[in-house]
Amino acid sequence: MWHARKWMKQTEPFLMTWHAHLGYSLNLFQYFKKPETVENIANKYDLDEVLLSRWVEVGIAVGHLKKKSKKKIQSKREMVTYLTKESERSVGILLEEMFELHIPTLLNYKKELVRQEETMSTPVASMVAETSKLLEAVTLPKVASLLKKQKSKTVLDVGCGLGGYMMTLAKQFPTIQFHGVEIDQDVCRRANEENSFENVSIDQGDFKEMRFRKGYHTVMLNNILYYFTVVERLALIKKATDVLRKKGEMILITPLADGKHGKRFASAFNSFMTAHNEMHPLPTRKEVAYMAKQANVKVVEERALIKEGGWYLIRLKKK
């Protein structure tokens, strides 16, 4: 896991350069030369306000922008001097060449290197499932400790992916019954092929549409909140609450857009999520608190798992 943290840290300079390139190529640093609101700039220059907000969040995190009031943002002097089209001292054209000529060529290197007409790419669902396995090294000891403390006998893993969490935990807790739900058919098939534990079962389906006969002591939702809109997340948390037993606990593992740690990586990650067709903005601490209140559960713990990436473990307890 040390290497995963290392590479997260090493992506930060790239995120800063990406932000600078976007600021120069769209002249955003010039637009914010004087304190302005995101709403005004978006309306004035016909920009997507949500995506502009994400760019501003990254800019504040990496030190390219500064807050002048609750809503107004201003470019740092250095950005205006060196990364605006109006400045005679601008070096922004170098970034533009790098991002619009060099980097696209480098990203295409993979296809050019393999002498085939068409190279196979990893399906998104499988890629995310494999990425989630990397997080297990950090999260599993903490989840195992919680299950032991809760004296949990039944665990539901929503969006279980390849079932890695459950299978590792099933070996450590042979008396606990683990039930996984995975919406992607291919991922679910792979998970069942790899499952050799009698105390683990995995079903394919949409959690929101499924019925459950009995309540669970613990419900886990690991790295799935950003697949849903804010409205859908609330419905998801309410559904998870419904299948919990009284005094049962919900474990959320997710990056937070406004966590205390990993602000640079999280802000850029949030920009990616917002722009992606199949993803949604990261949840905030305020949103989690609101969902908990609406679902009649209590936030009992918020713990940083990977500070560099802004990943957190959040515990919700049913009243």
C-alpha atoms as a PDB file:
ATOM      1  CA  MET A   1       0.000   0.000   0.000  1.00  0.00           C
ATOM      2  CA  TRP A   2       3.008   2.273   0.499  1.00  0.00           C
ATOM      3  CA  HIS A   3       3.547   2.261  -3.267  1.00  0.00           C
ATOM      4  CA  ALA A   4      -0.103   3.202  -3.892  1.00  0.00           C
ATOM      5  CA  ARG A   5       0.317   6.173  -1.550  1.00  0.00           C
ATOM      6  CA  LYS A   6       3.576   7.088  -3.285  1.00  0.00           C
ATOM      7  CA  TRP A   7       1.982   7.188  -6.729  1.00  0.00           C
ATOM      8  CA  MET A   8      -0.947   9.222  -5.437  1.00  0.00           C
ATOM      9  CA  LYS A   9       1.522  11.789  -4.117  1.00  0.00           C
ATOM     10  CA  GLN A  10       3.434  11.765  -7.395  1.00  0.00           C
ATOM     11  CA  THR A  11       0.295  12.585  -9.391  1.00  0.00           C
ATOM     12  CA  GLU A  12      -0.099  15.907  -7.558  1.00  0.00           C
ATOM     13  CA  PRO A  13       2.350  17.829  -9.805  1.00  0.00           C
ATOM     14  CA  PHE A  14       0.409  16.578 -12.832  1.00  0.00           C
ATOM     15  CA  LEU A  15      -2.863  17.776 -11.293  1.00  0.00           C
ATOM     16  CA  MET A  16      -1.336  21.211 -10.753  1.00  0.00           C
ATOM     17  CA  THR A  17      -0.139  21.325 -14.359  1.00  0.00           C
ATOM     18  CA  TRP A  18      -3.531  20.152 -15.645  1.00  0.00           C
ATOM     19  CA  HIS A  19      -5.217  22.920 -13.670  1.00  0.00           C
ATOM     20  CA  ALA A  20      -2.770  25.519 -14.987  1.00  0.00           C
ATOM     21  CA  HIS A  21      -3.256  24.360 -18.585  1.00  0.00           C
ATOM     22  CA  LEU A  22      -7.035  24.612 -18.331  1.00  0.00           C
ATOM     23  CA  GLY A  23      -6.731  28.028 -16.726  1.00  0.00           C
ATOM     24  CA  TYR A  24      -4.549  29.275 -19.561  1.00  0.00           C
ATOM     25  CA  SER A  25      -6.277  27.620 -22.525  1.00  0.00           C
ATOM     26  CA  LEU A  26      -9.726  28.908 -21.498  1.00  0.00           C
ATOM     27  CA  ASN A  27      -8.286  32.157 -20.097  1.00  0.00           C
ATOM     28  CA  LEU A  28      -9.859  31.431 -16.716  1.00  0.00           C
ATOM     29  CA  PHE A  29      -7.040  33.063 -14.770  1.00  0.00           C
ATOM     30  CA  GLN A  30      -7.741  36.295 -16.641  1.00  0.00           C
ATOM     31  CA  TYR A  31     -11.472  36.012 -15.912  1.00  0.00           C
ATOM     32  CA  PHE A  32     -10.669  35.760 -12.203  1.00  0.00           C
ATOM     33  CA  LYS A  33      -8.010  38.479 -12.289  1.00  0.00           C
ATOM     34  CA  LYS A  34     -10.323  40.515 -10.099  1.00  0.00           C
ATOM     35  CA  PRO A  35     -12.466  38.872  -7.405  1.00  0.00           C
ATOM     36  CA  GLU A  36     -15.471  37.244  -9.052  1.00  0.00           C
ATOM     37  CA  THR A  37     -18.089  34.604  -8.315  1.00  0.00           C
ATOM     38  CA  VAL A  38     -18.206  31.317 -10.199  1.00  0.00           C
ATOM     39  CA  GLU A  39     -21.813  32.008 -11.139  1.00  0.00           C
ATOM     40  CA  ASN A  40     -20.997  35.365 -12.757  1.00  0.00           C
ATOM     41  CA  ILE A  41     -18.056  34.011 -14.751  1.00  0.00           C
ATOM     42  CA  ALA A  42     -20.054  30.972 -15.900  1.00  0.00           C
ATOM     43  CA  ASN A  43     -22.925  33.153 -17.091  1.00  0.00           C
ATOM     44  CA  LYS A  44     -20.717  35.800 -18.683  1.00  0.00           C
ATOM     45  CA  TYR A  45     -18.586  33.374 -20.710  1.00  0.00           C
ATOM     46  CA  ASP A  46     -21.151  30.585 -21.225  1.00  0.00           C
ATOM     47  CA  LEU A  47     -19.304  27.991 -19.139  1.00  0.00           C
ATOM     48  CA  ASP A  48     -20.632  24.950 -17.279  1.00  0.00           C
ATOM     49  CA  GLU A  49     -21.032  26.261 -13.734  1.00  0.00           C
ATOM     50  CA  VAL A  50     -20.631  22.878 -12.011  1.00  0.00           C
ATOM     51  CA  LEU A  51     -17.425  21.999 -13.858  1.00  0.00           C
ATOM     52  CA  LEU A  52     -16.103  25.518 -13.317  1.00  0.00           C
ATOM     53  CA  SER A  53     -16.774  25.082  -9.590  1.00  0.00           C
ATOM     54  CA  ARG A  54     -14.713  21.878  -9.621  1.00  0.00           C
ATOM     55  CA  TRP A  55     -11.852  23.695 -11.390  1.00  0.00           C
ATOM     56  CA  VAL A  56     -11.991  26.450  -8.769  1.00  0.00           C
ATOM     57  CA  GLU A  57     -11.885  23.888  -5.939  1.00  0.00           C
ATOM     58  CA  VAL A  58      -8.747  22.334  -7.421  1.00  0.00           C
ATOM     59  CA  GLY A  59      -7.227  25.797  -7.877  1.00  0.00           C
ATOM     60  CA  ILE A  60      -7.719  26.665  -4.228  1.00  0.00           C
ATOM     61  CA  ALA A  61      -6.305  23.291  -3.156  1.00  0.00           C
ATOM     62  CA  VAL A  62      -3.144  23.624  -5.283  1.00  0.00           C
ATOM     63  CA  GLY A  63      -2.618  27.332  -4.577  1.00  0.00           C
ATOM     64  CA  HIS A  64      -3.425  28.825  -7.980  1.00  0.00           C
ATOM     65  CA  LEU A  65      -6.543  30.633  -6.742  1.00  0.00           C
ATOM     66  CA  LYS A  66      -7.564  32.260  -3.479  1.00  0.00           C
ATOM     67  CA  LYS A  67     -10.833  33.024  -1.760  1.00  0.00           C
ATOM     68  CA  LYS A  68     -11.564  36.718  -1.379  1.00  0.00           C
ATOM     69  CA  SER A  69     -14.927  36.298   0.323  1.00  0.00           C
ATOM     70  CA  LYS A  70     -17.475  33.558   0.884  1.00  0.00           C
ATOM     71  CA  LYS A  71     -18.312  33.396  -2.831  1.00  0.00           C
ATOM     72  CA  LYS A  72     -15.679  35.443  -4.657  1.00  0.00           C
ATOM     73  CA  ILE A  73     -12.503  33.916  -6.087  1.00  0.00           C
ATOM     74  CA  GLN A  74      -9.344  35.580  -7.391  1.00  0.00           C
ATOM     75  CA  SER A  75      -6.365  34.299  -9.377  1.00  0.00           C
ATOM     76  CA  LYS A  76      -2.978  34.458  -7.692  1.00  0.00           C
ATOM     77  CA  ARG A  77      -0.763  37.192  -9.171  1.00  0.00           C
ATOM     78  CA  GLU A  78       1.715  34.634 -10.517  1.00  0.00           C
ATOM     79  CA  MET A  79      -1.033  32.907 -12.523  1.00  0.00           C
ATOM     80  CA  VAL A  80      -2.135  36.189 -14.097  1.00  0.00           C
ATOM     81  CA  THR A  81       1.452  37.097 -14.962  1.00  0.00           C
ATOM     82  CA  TYR A  82       2.533  33.805 -16.498  1.00  0.00           C
ATOM     83  CA  LEU A  83      -0.660  32.005 -17.536  1.00  0.00           C
ATOM     84  CA  THR A  84      -2.960  34.513 -19.220  1.00  0.00           C
ATOM     85  CA  LYS A  85      -3.155  35.228 -22.928  1.00  0.00           C
ATOM     86  CA  GLU A  86      -2.993  38.982 -22.305  1.00  0.00           C
ATOM     87  CA  SER A  87       0.327  38.882 -20.446  1.00  0.00           C
ATOM     88  CA  GLU A  88       3.537  39.538 -22.390  1.00  0.00           C
ATOM     89  CA  ARG A  89       5.363  37.287 -19.922  1.00  0.00           C
ATOM     90  CA  SER A  90       2.993  34.351 -20.405  1.00  0.00           C
ATOM     91  CA  VAL A  91       4.437  30.849 -20.784  1.00  0.00           C
ATOM     92  CA  GLY A  92       1.051  29.185 -21.135  1.00  0.00           C
ATOM     93  CA  ILE A  93       1.620  28.196 -24.743  1.00  0.00           C
ATOM     94  CA  LEU A  94       4.132  25.604 -23.495  1.00  0.00           C
ATOM     95  CA  LEU A  95       1.436  23.960 -21.383  1.00  0.00           C
ATOM     96  CA  GLU A  96      -0.992  24.081 -24.287  1.00  0.00           C
ATOM     97  CA  GLU A  97       1.489  22.311 -26.555  1.00  0.00           C
ATOM     98  CA  MET A  98       2.229  19.740 -23.855  1.00  0.00           C
ATOM     99  CA  PHE A  99      -1.409  18.893 -23.137  1.00  0.00           C
ATOM    100  CA  GLU A 100      -2.815  19.133 -26.639  1.00  0.00           C
ATOM    101  CA  LEU A 101       0.058  17.649 -28.620  1.00  0.00           C
ATOM    102  CA  HIS A 102       2.583  15.759 -26.496  1.00  0.00           C
ATOM    103  CA  ILE A 103       0.393  14.077 -23.861  1.00  0.00           C
ATOM    104  CA  PRO A 104      -2.290  12.827 -26.332  1.00  0.00           C
ATOM    105  CA  THR A 105       0.537  11.282 -28.363  1.00  0.00           C
ATOM    106  CA  LEU A 106       1.967   9.609 -25.255  1.00  0.00           C
ATOM    107  CA  LEU A 107      -1.473   8.290 -24.269  1.00  0.00           C
ATOM    108  CA  ASN A 108      -1.793   6.797 -27.747  1.00  0.00           C
ATOM    109  CA  TYR A 109       1.586   5.085 -27.324  1.00  0.00           C
ATOM    110  CA  LYS A 110      -0.069   1.954 -25.916  1.00  0.00           C
ATOM    111  CA  LYS A 111      -2.089   1.399 -29.097  1.00  0.00           C
ATOM    112  CA  GLU A 112       0.890   2.105 -31.338  1.00  0.00           C
ATOM    113  CA  LEU A 113       3.199  -0.183 -29.373  1.00  0.00           C
ATOM    114  CA  VAL A 114       0.991  -3.263 -29.776  1.00  0.00           C
ATOM    115  CA  ARG A 115       0.974  -4.510 -33.364  1.00  0.00           C
ATOM    116  CA  GLN A 116      -2.718  -5.294 -33.555  1.00  0.00           C
ATOM    117  CA  GLU A 117      -5.540  -3.580 -35.348  1.00  0.00           C
ATOM    118  CA  GLU A 118      -7.478  -3.275 -32.125  1.00  0.00           C
ATOM    119  CA  THR A 119      -6.211  -3.498 -28.546  1.00  0.00           C
ATOM    120  CA  MET A 120      -8.462  -4.753 -25.789  1.00  0.00           C
ATOM    121  CA  SER A 121      -9.223  -2.265 -23.036  1.00  0.00           C
ATOM    122  CA  THR A 122     -10.248  -3.204 -19.521  1.00  0.00           C
ATOM    123  CA  PRO A 123     -14.005  -2.774 -18.910  1.00  0.00           C
ATOM    124  CA  VAL A 124     -14.708   0.076 -16.486  1.00  0.00           C
ATOM    125  CA  ALA A 125     -16.519  -2.120 -13.952  1.00  0.00           C
ATOM    126  CA  SER A 126     -13.672  -4.645 -13.858  1.00  0.00           C
ATOM    127  CA  MET A 127     -11.058  -1.880 -13.638  1.00  0.00           C
ATOM    128  CA  VAL A 128     -12.845  -0.292 -10.672  1.00  0.00           C
ATOM    129  CA  ALA A 129     -13.236  -3.689  -9.024  1.00  0.00           C
ATOM    130  CA  GLU A 130      -9.498  -4.332  -9.349  1.00  0.00           C
ATOM    131  CA  THR A 131      -8.691  -0.848  -8.016  1.00  0.00           C
ATOM    132  CA  SER A 132     -10.905  -1.488  -5.007  1.00  0.00           C
ATOM    133  CA  LYS A 133      -8.756  -4.508  -4.183  1.00  0.00           C
ATOM    134  CA  LEU A 134      -5.824  -2.149  -3.588  1.00  0.00           C
ATOM    135  CA  LEU A 135      -7.779  -0.373  -0.877  1.00  0.00           C
ATOM    136  CA  GLU A 136      -8.467  -3.623   0.941  1.00  0.00           C
ATOM    137  CA  ALA A 137      -4.969  -3.724   2.446  1.00  0.00           C
ATOM    138  CA  VAL A 138      -5.758  -0.543   4.375  1.00  0.00           C
ATOM    139  CA  THR A 139      -9.464  -0.973   5.054  1.00  0.00           C
ATOM    140  CA  LEU A 140      -9.728  -4.656   5.958  1.00  0.00           C
ATOM    141  CA  PRO A 141      -7.964  -4.543   9.351  1.00  0.00           C
ATOM    142  CA  LYS A 142     -10.200  -1.665  10.413  1.00  0.00           C
ATOM    143  CA  VAL A 143     -13.379  -3.323   9.116  1.00  0.00           C
ATOM    144  CA  ALA A 144     -12.392  -6.588  10.810  1.00  0.00           C
ATOM    145  CA  SER A 145     -11.905  -4.745  14.087  1.00  0.00           C
ATOM    146  CA  LEU A 146     -15.354  -3.176  13.760  1.00  0.00           C
ATOM    147  CA  LEU A 147     -17.062  -6.507  13.013  1.00  0.00           C
ATOM    148  CA  LYS A 148     -15.412  -8.025  16.074  1.00  0.00           C
ATOM    149  CA  LYS A 149     -16.414  -5.081  18.239  1.00  0.00           C
ATOM    150  CA  GLN A 150     -20.006  -5.170  16.952  1.00  0.00           C
ATOM    151  CA  LYS A 151     -20.204  -8.953  17.403  1.00  0.00           C
ATOM    152  CA  SER A 152     -21.716  -9.016  13.951  1.00  0.00           C
ATOM    153  CA  LYS A 153     -23.223 -12.277  12.713  1.00  0.00           C
ATOM    154  CA  THR A 154     -24.583 -11.173   9.333  1.00  0.00           C
ATOM    155  CA  VAL A 155     -22.957  -8.759   6.863  1.00  0.00           C
ATOM    156  CA  LEU A 156     -24.319  -7.349   3.610  1.00  0.00           C
ATOM    157  CA  ASP A 157     -21.802  -5.907   1.122  1.00  0.00           C
ATOM    158  CA  VAL A 158     -23.590  -3.627  -1.367  1.00  0.00           C
ATOM    159  CA  GLY A 159     -21.732  -3.286  -4.666  1.00  0.00           C
ATOM    160  CA  CYS A 160     -19.320  -6.000  -3.576  1.00  0.00           C
ATOM    161  CA  GLY A 161     -17.379  -6.103  -6.851  1.00  0.00           C
ATOM    162  CA  LEU A 162     -15.159  -9.176  -6.941  1.00  0.00           C
ATOM    163  CA  GLY A 163     -16.021  -9.954  -3.329  1.00  0.00           C
ATOM    164  CA  GLY A 164     -12.507  -9.423  -2.030  1.00  0.00           C
ATOM    165  CA  TYR A 165     -13.598  -7.804   1.245  1.00  0.00           C
ATOM    166  CA  MET A 166     -16.013 -10.601   2.051  1.00  0.00           C
ATOM    167  CA  MET A 167     -13.739 -13.489   1.133  1.00  0.00           C
ATOM    168  CA  THR A 168     -10.845 -12.180   3.199  1.00  0.00           C
ATOM    169  CA  LEU A 169     -13.138 -11.448   6.134  1.00  0.00           C
ATOM    170  CA  ALA A 170     -14.912 -14.811   5.735  1.00  0.00           C
ATOM    171  CA  LYS A 171     -11.620 -16.589   6.325  1.00  0.00           C
ATOM    172  CA  GLN A 172     -11.035 -14.577   9.489  1.00  0.00           C
ATOM    173  CA  PHE A 173     -14.652 -14.861  10.697  1.00  0.00           C
ATOM    174  CA  PRO A 174     -15.977 -18.308   9.671  1.00  0.00           C
ATOM    175  CA  THR A 175     -19.090 -17.927  11.856  1.00  0.00           C
ATOM    176  CA  ILE A 176     -20.238 -14.700  10.169  1.00  0.00           C
ATOM    177  CA  GLN A 177     -22.544 -15.020   7.152  1.00  0.00           C
ATOM    178  CA  PHE A 178     -21.543 -12.655   4.331  1.00  0.00           C
ATOM    179  CA  HIS A 179     -23.936 -11.721   1.539  1.00  0.00           C
ATOM    180  CA  GLY A 180     -22.792  -9.669  -1.438  1.00  0.00           C
ATOM    181  CA  VAL A 181     -24.834  -7.813  -4.042  1.00  0.00           C
ATOM    182  CA  GLU A 182     -23.254  -6.772  -7.364  1.00  0.00           C
ATOM    183  CA  ILE A 183     -25.150  -5.144 -10.233  1.00  0.00           C
ATOM    184  CA  ASP A 184     -22.612  -5.882 -12.992  1.00  0.00           C
ATOM    185  CA  GLN A 185     -23.218  -9.342 -14.431  1.00  0.00           C
ATOM    186  CA  ASP A 186     -19.655 -10.062 -15.577  1.00  0.00           C
ATOM    187  CA  VAL A 187     -18.097  -8.894 -12.306  1.00  0.00           C
ATOM    188  CA  CYS A 188     -20.632 -10.939 -10.327  1.00  0.00           C
ATOM    189  CA  ARG A 189     -19.843 -14.031 -12.410  1.00  0.00           C
ATOM    190  CA  ARG A 190     -16.107 -13.599 -11.747  1.00  0.00           C
ATOM    191  CA  ALA A 191     -16.782 -13.135  -8.034  1.00  0.00           C
ATOM    192  CA  ASN A 192     -18.794 -16.360  -7.827  1.00  0.00           C
ATOM    193  CA  GLU A 193     -16.131 -18.255  -9.760  1.00  0.00           C
ATOM    194  CA  GLU A 194     -13.517 -17.138  -7.223  1.00  0.00           C
ATOM    195  CA  ASN A 195     -15.713 -17.779  -4.176  1.00  0.00           C
ATOM    196  CA  SER A 196     -14.892 -20.979  -2.290  1.00  0.00           C
ATOM    197  CA  PHE A 197     -16.369 -20.014   1.094  1.00  0.00           C
ATOM    198  CA  GLU A 198     -19.517 -21.599   2.487  1.00  0.00           C
ATOM    199  CA  ASN A 199     -20.261 -18.486   4.532  1.00  0.00           C
ATOM    200  CA  VAL A 200     -20.179 -16.195   1.465  1.00  0.00           C
ATOM    201  CA  SER A 201     -22.999 -15.805  -1.065  1.00  0.00           C
ATOM    202  CA  ILE A 202     -23.084 -13.316  -3.940  1.00  0.00           C
ATOM    203  CA  ASP A 203     -26.170 -12.309  -5.926  1.00  0.00           C
ATOM    204  CA  GLN A 204     -26.455 -10.233  -9.071  1.00  0.00           C
ATOM    205  CA  GLY A 205     -29.008  -7.434  -9.032  1.00  0.00           C
ATOM    206  CA  ASP A 206     -29.899  -3.836  -8.240  1.00  0.00           C
ATOM    207  CA  PHE A 207     -29.787  -3.379  -4.466  1.00  0.00           C
ATOM    208  CA  LYS A 208     -32.501  -0.718  -4.560  1.00  0.00           C
ATOM    209  CA  GLU A 209     -34.928  -3.156  -6.214  1.00  0.00           C
ATOM    210  CA  MET A 210     -34.089  -6.263  -4.193  1.00  0.00           C
ATOM    211  CA  ARG A 211     -35.995  -7.654  -1.228  1.00  0.00           C
ATOM    212  CA  PHE A 212     -34.356  -9.064   1.884  1.00  0.00           C
ATOM    213  CA  ARG A 213     -36.089 -11.417   4.302  1.00  0.00           C
ATOM    214  CA  LYS A 214     -34.056 -10.683   7.400  1.00  0.00           C
ATOM    215  CA  GLY A 215     -32.063  -7.804   8.805  1.00  0.00           C
ATOM    216  CA  TYR A 216     -28.273  -7.577   8.888  1.00  0.00           C
ATOM    217  CA  HIS A 217     -26.006  -6.617  11.758  1.00  0.00           C
ATOM    218  CA  THR A 218     -23.697  -4.756   9.354  1.00  0.00           C
ATOM    219  CA  VAL A 219     -24.140  -3.239   5.888  1.00  0.00           C
ATOM    220  CA  MET A 220     -21.043  -2.178   3.916  1.00  0.00           C
ATOM    221  CA  LEU A 221     -21.062   0.344   1.056  1.00  0.00           C
ATOM    222  CA  ASN A 222     -17.499   0.522  -0.203  1.00  0.00           C
ATOM    223  CA  ASN A 223     -16.553   3.049  -2.908  1.00  0.00           C
ATOM    224  CA  ILE A 224     -19.960   3.170  -4.568  1.00  0.00           C
ATOM    225  CA  LEU A 225     -21.532   6.494  -3.522  1.00  0.00           C
ATOM    226  CA  TYR A 226     -20.050   8.389  -6.470  1.00  0.00           C
ATOM    227  CA  TYR A 227     -21.959   6.137  -8.884  1.00  0.00           C
ATOM    228  CA  PHE A 228     -25.198   7.747  -7.712  1.00  0.00           C
ATOM    229  CA  THR A 229     -26.733  11.215  -7.762  1.00  0.00           C
ATOM    230  CA  VAL A 230     -27.367  13.009  -4.471  1.00  0.00           C
ATOM    231  CA  VAL A 231     -31.034  11.957  -4.582  1.00  0.00           C
ATOM    232  CA  GLU A 232     -30.130   8.342  -5.376  1.00  0.00           C
ATOM    233  CA  ARG A 233     -27.559   8.270  -2.557  1.00  0.00           C
ATOM    234  CA  LEU A 234     -30.178   9.231  -0.023  1.00  0.00           C
ATOM    235  CA  ALA A 235     -32.460   6.457  -1.300  1.00  0.00           C
ATOM    236  CA  LEU A 236     -29.507   4.052  -1.084  1.00  0.00           C
ATOM    237  CA  ILE A 237     -28.732   4.992   2.525  1.00  0.00           C
ATOM    238  CA  LYS A 238     -32.423   4.703   3.461  1.00  0.00           C
ATOM    239  CA  LYS A 239     -32.618   1.268   1.838  1.00  0.00           C
ATOM    240  CA  ALA A 240     -29.460   0.172   3.668  1.00  0.00           C
ATOM    241  CA  THR A 241     -30.989   1.420   6.917  1.00  0.00           C
ATOM    242  CA  ASP A 242     -34.149  -0.588   6.262  1.00  0.00           C
ATOM    243  CA  VAL A 243     -32.212  -3.853   5.950  1.00  0.00           C
ATOM    244  CA  LEU A 244     -30.230  -3.174   9.135  1.00  0.00           C
ATOM    245  CA  ARG A 245     -31.278  -4.659  12.433  1.00  0.00           C
ATOM    246  CA  LYS A 246     -31.921  -2.352  15.358  1.00  0.00           C
ATOM    247  CA  LYS A 247     -28.583  -0.989  16.644  1.00  0.00           C
ATOM    248  CA  GLY A 248     -26.970  -2.323  13.465  1.00  0.00           C
ATOM    249  CA  GLU A 249     -24.180  -0.381  11.776  1.00  0.00           C
ATOM    250  CA  MET A 250     -23.474   0.826   8.260  1.00  0.00           C
ATOM    251  CA  ILE A 251     -19.885   1.190   7.055  1.00  0.00           C
ATOM    252  CA  LEU A 252     -19.239   3.697   4.268  1.00  0.00           C
ATOM    253  CA  ILE A 253     -15.843   3.803   2.582  1.00  0.00           C
ATOM    254  CA  THR A 254     -15.575   6.767   0.248  1.00  0.00           C
ATOM    255  CA  PRO A 255     -13.474   9.754  -0.741  1.00  0.00           C
ATOM    256  CA  LEU A 256     -14.868  13.026   0.625  1.00  0.00           C
ATOM    257  CA  ALA A 257     -14.820  16.212  -1.420  1.00  0.00           C
ATOM    258  CA  ASP A 258     -14.228  18.323   1.685  1.00  0.00           C
ATOM    259  CA  GLY A 259     -12.320  16.019   4.011  1.00  0.00           C
ATOM    260  CA  LYS A 260      -9.538  17.314   6.246  1.00  0.00           C
ATOM    261  CA  HIS A 261      -6.891  15.360   4.331  1.00  0.00           C
ATOM    262  CA  GLY A 262      -5.881  14.843   0.687  1.00  0.00           C
ATOM    263  CA  LYS A 263      -7.483  18.057  -0.544  1.00  0.00           C
ATOM    264  CA  ARG A 264      -5.406  18.262  -3.739  1.00  0.00           C
ATOM    265  CA  PHE A 265      -6.060  14.716  -4.883  1.00  0.00           C
ATOM    266  CA  ALA A 266      -9.699  14.750  -3.750  1.00  0.00           C
ATOM    267  CA  SER A 267     -10.470  18.028  -5.524  1.00  0.00           C
ATOM    268  CA  ALA A 268      -9.002  16.749  -8.803  1.00  0.00           C
ATOM    269  CA  PHE A 269     -10.722  13.376  -8.331  1.00  0.00           C
ATOM    270  CA  ASN A 270     -13.970  15.262  -7.812  1.00  0.00           C
ATOM    271  CA  SER A 271     -13.420  17.142 -11.078  1.00  0.00           C
ATOM    272  CA  PHE A 272     -13.009  13.820 -12.881  1.00  0.00           C
ATOM    273  CA  MET A 273     -16.144  12.392 -11.264  1.00  0.00           C
ATOM    274  CA  THR A 274     -18.186  15.450 -12.187  1.00  0.00           C
ATOM    275  CA  ALA A 275     -17.065  15.357 -15.824  1.00  0.00           C
ATOM    276  CA  HIS A 276     -17.438  11.572 -16.261  1.00  0.00           C
ATOM    277  CA  ASN A 277     -20.682  10.416 -17.900  1.00  0.00           C
ATOM    278  CA  GLU A 278     -21.161   7.493 -15.510  1.00  0.00           C
ATOM    279  CA  MET A 279     -19.977   9.137 -12.280  1.00  0.00           C
ATOM    280  CA  HIS A 280     -21.174  11.878  -9.959  1.00  0.00           C
ATOM    281  CA  PRO A 281     -19.486  14.406  -7.645  1.00  0.00           C
ATOM    282  CA  LEU A 282     -17.964  13.069  -4.438  1.00  0.00           C
ATOM    283  CA  PRO A 283     -20.069  13.289  -1.290  1.00  0.00           C
ATOM    284  CA  THR A 284     -19.308  15.978   1.268  1.00  0.00           C
ATOM    285  CA  ARG A 285     -19.307  15.731   5.050  1.00  0.00           C
ATOM    286  CA  LYS A 286     -22.393  17.936   5.128  1.00  0.00           C
ATOM    287  CA  GLU A 287     -24.184  15.640   2.685  1.00  0.00           C
ATOM    288  CA  VAL A 288     -23.311  12.544   4.725  1.00  0.00           C
ATOM    289  CA  ALA A 289     -24.660  14.224   7.868  1.00  0.00           C
ATOM    290  CA  TYR A 290     -27.853  15.181   6.018  1.00  0.00           C
ATOM    291  CA  MET A 291     -28.374  11.653   4.639  1.00  0.00           C
ATOM    292  CA  ALA A 292     -27.800  10.160   8.075  1.00  0.00           C
ATOM    293  CA  LYS A 293     -30.401  12.457   9.614  1.00  0.00           C
ATOM    294  CA  GLN A 294     -32.942  11.707   6.884  1.00  0.00           C
ATOM    295  CA  ALA A 295     -32.360   7.954   7.198  1.00  0.00           C
ATOM    296  CA  ASN A 296     -32.614   8.090  10.996  1.00  0.00           C
ATOM    297  CA  VAL A 297     -29.080   6.841  11.606  1.00  0.00           C
ATOM    298  CA  LYS A 298     -26.296   8.499  13.565  1.00  0.00           C
ATOM    299  CA  VAL A 299     -22.748   9.255  12.385  1.00  0.00           C
ATOM    300  CA  VAL A 300     -20.608   7.678  15.095  1.00  0.00           C
ATOM    301  CA  GLU A 301     -17.180   7.774  13.448  1.00  0.00           C
ATOM    302  CA  GLU A 302     -15.292   9.429  10.592  1.00  0.00           C
ATOM    303  CA  ARG A 303     -11.776   8.064  10.131  1.00  0.00           C
ATOM    304  CA  ALA A 304      -9.196   8.893   7.449  1.00  0.00           C
ATOM    305  CA  LEU A 305      -8.048   5.709   5.689  1.00  0.00           C
ATOM    306  CA  ILE A 306      -5.767   7.072   2.973  1.00  0.00           C
ATOM    307  CA  LYS A 307      -4.927  10.682   3.737  1.00  0.00           C
ATOM    308  CA  GLU A 308      -3.162  11.237   0.402  1.00  0.00           C
ATOM    309  CA  GLY A 309      -6.327  10.361  -1.532  1.00  0.00           C
ATOM    310  CA  GLY A 310      -8.928  11.729   0.855  1.00  0.00           C
ATOM    311  CA  TRP A 311     -10.491   8.292   1.517  1.00  0.00           C
ATOM    312  CA  TYR A 312     -12.526   7.895   4.695  1.00  0.00           C
ATOM    313  CA  LEU A 313     -14.326   5.232   6.689  1.00  0.00           C
ATOM    314  CA  ILE A 314     -17.629   6.487   8.087  1.00  0.00           C
ATOM    315  CA  ARG A 315     -19.756   4.535  10.560  1.00  0.00           C
ATOM    316  CA  LEU A 316     -23.507   5.064  10.805  1.00  0.00           C
ATOM    317  CA  LYS A 317     -25.528   3.444  13.597  1.00  0.00           C
ATOM    318  CA  LYS A 318     -29.230   2.640  13.395  1.00  0.00           C
ATOM    319  CA  LYS A 319     -31.199   4.109  16.281  1.00  0.00           C
END
